[in-house]
Amino acid sequence: MKKQVFIEGMSCQHCVNRVAEALKEIAGVKTVDVDLKGKYAIVEADRQIDDGEIENAIEEAGYDVVKIE
């Protein structure tokens, strides 16, 4: 499973690290690549992850999800 998550509120490398750590805590996530300039993250997992689970992790880290593709 691979999803692109568009995120608002990231402004620095600390933000990138926070989002990446939050997403990596989701069970089954293998890799996370966060693009600060593009304001998105690519999440790869070995299981199907519900969009709500991704959204909750990012919002708990203090950021807003715009959309998930």
N, C-alpha and C. Protein backbone atom coordinates (compact mmCIF):
# COMPACT_ATOMS: atom_id res chain seq x y z
N MET A 1 0.83 -1.16 0.00
CA MET A 1 0.00 0.00 0.00
C MET A 1 0.88 1.23 0.00
N LYS A 2 0.53 2.19 -0.84
CA LYS A 2 1.27 3.45 -0.91
C LYS A 2 0.28 4.59 -1.02
N LYS A 3 0.44 5.62 -0.17
CA LYS A 3 -0.47 6.76 -0.20
C LYS A 3 0.33 8.05 -0.14
N GLN A 4 -0.22 9.08 -0.79
CA GLN A 4 0.36 10.41 -0.71
C GLN A 4 -0.58 11.25 0.15
N VAL A 5 -0.01 11.87 1.18
CA VAL A 5 -0.79 12.63 2.14
C VAL A 5 -0.37 14.09 2.05
N PHE A 6 -1.30 14.97 1.71
CA PHE A 6 -1.01 16.40 1.62
C PHE A 6 -1.27 17.03 2.98
N ILE A 7 -0.29 17.80 3.48
CA ILE A 7 -0.30 18.29 4.85
C ILE A 7 -0.08 19.80 4.89
N GLU A 8 -0.86 20.47 5.72
CA GLU A 8 -0.68 21.91 5.96
C GLU A 8 -0.10 22.11 7.35
N GLY A 9 0.71 23.17 7.48
CA GLY A 9 1.23 23.53 8.80
C GLY A 9 2.70 23.25 9.00
N MET A 10 3.34 22.52 8.08
CA MET A 10 4.76 22.24 8.21
C MET A 10 5.56 23.45 7.70
N SER A 11 6.57 23.88 8.50
CA SER A 11 7.36 25.04 8.08
C SER A 11 8.87 24.85 8.23
N CYS A 12 9.30 23.74 8.82
CA CYS A 12 10.73 23.54 9.03
C CYS A 12 11.06 22.05 9.12
N GLN A 13 12.35 21.75 9.27
CA GLN A 13 12.79 20.36 9.35
C GLN A 13 12.25 19.69 10.61
N HIS A 14 12.07 20.43 11.68
CA HIS A 14 11.49 19.86 12.90
C HIS A 14 10.08 19.34 12.62
N CYS A 15 9.32 20.11 11.84
CA CYS A 15 7.96 19.69 11.45
C CYS A 15 8.01 18.38 10.66
N VAL A 16 8.94 18.33 9.72
CA VAL A 16 9.11 17.12 8.89
C VAL A 16 9.39 15.92 9.78
N ASN A 17 10.29 16.07 10.73
CA ASN A 17 10.64 14.96 11.63
C ASN A 17 9.45 14.53 12.48
N ARG A 18 8.69 15.51 12.95
CA ARG A 18 7.51 15.20 13.78
C ARG A 18 6.47 14.41 13.00
N VAL A 19 6.20 14.84 11.76
CA VAL A 19 5.22 14.14 10.92
C VAL A 19 5.72 12.73 10.61
N ALA A 20 6.99 12.61 10.25
CA ALA A 20 7.55 11.30 9.91
C ALA A 20 7.46 10.35 11.11
N GLU A 21 7.82 10.83 12.29
CA GLU A 21 7.76 9.98 13.48
C GLU A 21 6.33 9.56 13.79
N ALA A 22 5.38 10.48 13.63
CA ALA A 22 3.97 10.15 13.91
C ALA A 22 3.47 9.07 12.96
N LEU A 23 3.83 9.18 11.68
CA LEU A 23 3.38 8.20 10.70
C LEU A 23 4.06 6.85 10.89
N LYS A 24 5.33 6.86 11.28
CA LYS A 24 6.06 5.60 11.49
C LYS A 24 5.52 4.81 12.67
N GLU A 25 4.80 5.47 13.57
CA GLU A 25 4.21 4.77 14.72
C GLU A 25 2.98 3.95 14.35
N ILE A 26 2.43 4.16 13.16
CA ILE A 26 1.27 3.38 12.72
C ILE A 26 1.74 1.97 12.38
N ALA A 27 1.06 0.99 12.92
CA ALA A 27 1.43 -0.41 12.68
C ALA A 27 1.38 -0.73 11.19
N GLY A 28 2.45 -1.34 10.69
CA GLY A 28 2.51 -1.76 9.29
C GLY A 28 3.23 -0.78 8.38
N VAL A 29 3.48 0.44 8.85
CA VAL A 29 4.18 1.42 8.00
C VAL A 29 5.64 1.03 7.87
N LYS A 30 6.10 0.92 6.61
CA LYS A 30 7.48 0.55 6.34
C LYS A 30 8.36 1.77 6.13
N THR A 31 7.92 2.70 5.27
CA THR A 31 8.71 3.90 4.98
C THR A 31 7.82 5.13 4.93
N VAL A 32 8.43 6.25 5.29
CA VAL A 32 7.77 7.56 5.23
C VAL A 32 8.76 8.53 4.62
N ASP A 33 8.33 9.25 3.59
CA ASP A 33 9.17 10.28 2.97
C ASP A 33 8.36 11.57 2.97
N VAL A 34 8.82 12.55 3.75
CA VAL A 34 8.11 13.81 3.89
C VAL A 34 8.81 14.88 3.06
N ASP A 35 8.05 15.59 2.23
CA ASP A 35 8.56 16.66 1.38
C ASP A 35 8.05 17.99 1.92
N LEU A 36 8.94 18.77 2.54
CA LEU A 36 8.54 20.05 3.14
C LEU A 36 8.07 21.05 2.09
N LYS A 37 8.82 21.17 1.01
CA LYS A 37 8.48 22.14 -0.03
C LYS A 37 7.15 21.79 -0.71
N GLY A 38 6.94 20.51 -0.99
CA GLY A 38 5.71 20.07 -1.64
C GLY A 38 4.54 19.91 -0.69
N LYS A 39 4.82 19.96 0.62
CA LYS A 39 3.80 19.82 1.67
C LYS A 39 3.05 18.50 1.59
N TYR A 40 3.80 17.41 1.44
CA TYR A 40 3.17 16.10 1.41
C TYR A 40 4.10 15.04 2.01
N ALA A 41 3.52 13.89 2.27
CA ALA A 41 4.28 12.73 2.73
C ALA A 41 3.85 11.53 1.89
N ILE A 42 4.81 10.68 1.56
CA ILE A 42 4.54 9.40 0.90
C ILE A 42 4.67 8.33 1.99
N VAL A 43 3.62 7.56 2.16
CA VAL A 43 3.60 6.52 3.19
C VAL A 43 3.49 5.17 2.49
N GLU A 44 4.43 4.28 2.80
CA GLU A 44 4.37 2.91 2.27
C GLU A 44 4.19 1.96 3.44
N ALA A 45 3.27 1.01 3.28
CA ALA A 45 2.98 0.07 4.36
C ALA A 45 2.78 -1.33 3.79
N ASP A 46 2.94 -2.31 4.68
CA ASP A 46 2.75 -3.70 4.25
C ASP A 46 1.32 -4.19 4.52
N ARG A 47 0.44 -3.26 4.88
CA ARG A 47 -0.98 -3.59 5.05
C ARG A 47 -1.79 -2.38 4.61
N GLN A 48 -3.09 -2.58 4.40
CA GLN A 48 -3.97 -1.47 4.04
C GLN A 48 -4.23 -0.64 5.29
N ILE A 49 -3.95 0.65 5.21
CA ILE A 49 -4.16 1.54 6.35
C ILE A 49 -5.30 2.48 6.04
N ASP A 50 -6.21 2.60 6.98
CA ASP A 50 -7.37 3.47 6.82
C ASP A 50 -6.92 4.93 6.81
N ASP A 51 -7.51 5.74 5.92
CA ASP A 51 -7.16 7.16 5.84
C ASP A 51 -7.35 7.86 7.18
N GLY A 52 -8.36 7.47 7.93
CA GLY A 52 -8.62 8.07 9.23
C GLY A 52 -7.48 7.86 10.21
N GLU A 53 -6.84 6.70 10.12
CA GLU A 53 -5.71 6.39 10.99
C GLU A 53 -4.53 7.32 10.67
N ILE A 54 -4.30 7.56 9.39
CA ILE A 54 -3.23 8.46 8.96
C ILE A 54 -3.56 9.89 9.40
N GLU A 55 -4.79 10.29 9.16
CA GLU A 55 -5.21 11.65 9.51
C GLU A 55 -5.09 11.89 11.02
N ASN A 56 -5.50 10.93 11.83
CA ASN A 56 -5.41 11.07 13.28
C ASN A 56 -3.96 11.23 13.74
N ALA A 57 -3.06 10.44 13.18
CA ALA A 57 -1.64 10.51 13.56
C ALA A 57 -1.06 11.89 13.26
N ILE A 58 -1.38 12.42 12.09
CA ILE A 58 -0.85 13.73 11.69
C ILE A 58 -1.48 14.84 12.53
N GLU A 59 -2.77 14.76 12.77
CA GLU A 59 -3.44 15.80 13.56
C GLU A 59 -2.98 15.78 15.02
N GLU A 60 -2.70 14.60 15.56
CA GLU A 60 -2.18 14.50 16.92
C GLU A 60 -0.79 15.11 17.01
N ALA A 61 -0.04 15.11 15.89
CA ALA A 61 1.29 15.72 15.85
C ALA A 61 1.19 17.24 15.69
N GLY A 62 -0.02 17.75 15.41
CA GLY A 62 -0.23 19.18 15.35
C GLY A 62 -0.37 19.77 13.96
N TYR A 63 -0.64 18.93 12.97
CA TYR A 63 -0.73 19.39 11.58
C TYR A 63 -2.08 19.01 10.98
N ASP A 64 -2.39 19.59 9.82
CA ASP A 64 -3.67 19.34 9.18
C ASP A 64 -3.52 18.57 7.89
N VAL A 65 -4.37 17.58 7.69
CA VAL A 65 -4.38 16.81 6.44
C VAL A 65 -5.33 17.51 5.47
N VAL A 66 -4.83 17.80 4.27
CA VAL A 66 -5.64 18.43 3.24
C VAL A 66 -6.39 17.37 2.46
N LYS A 67 -5.63 16.34 2.00
CA LYS A 67 -6.24 15.20 1.30
C LYS A 67 -5.27 14.03 1.28
N ILE A 68 -5.81 12.87 1.00
CA ILE A 68 -5.02 11.64 0.92
C ILE A 68 -5.35 10.97 -0.40
N GLU A 69 -4.31 10.64 -1.15
CA GLU A 69 -4.51 9.97 -2.45
C GLU A 69 -3.86 8.60 -2.41
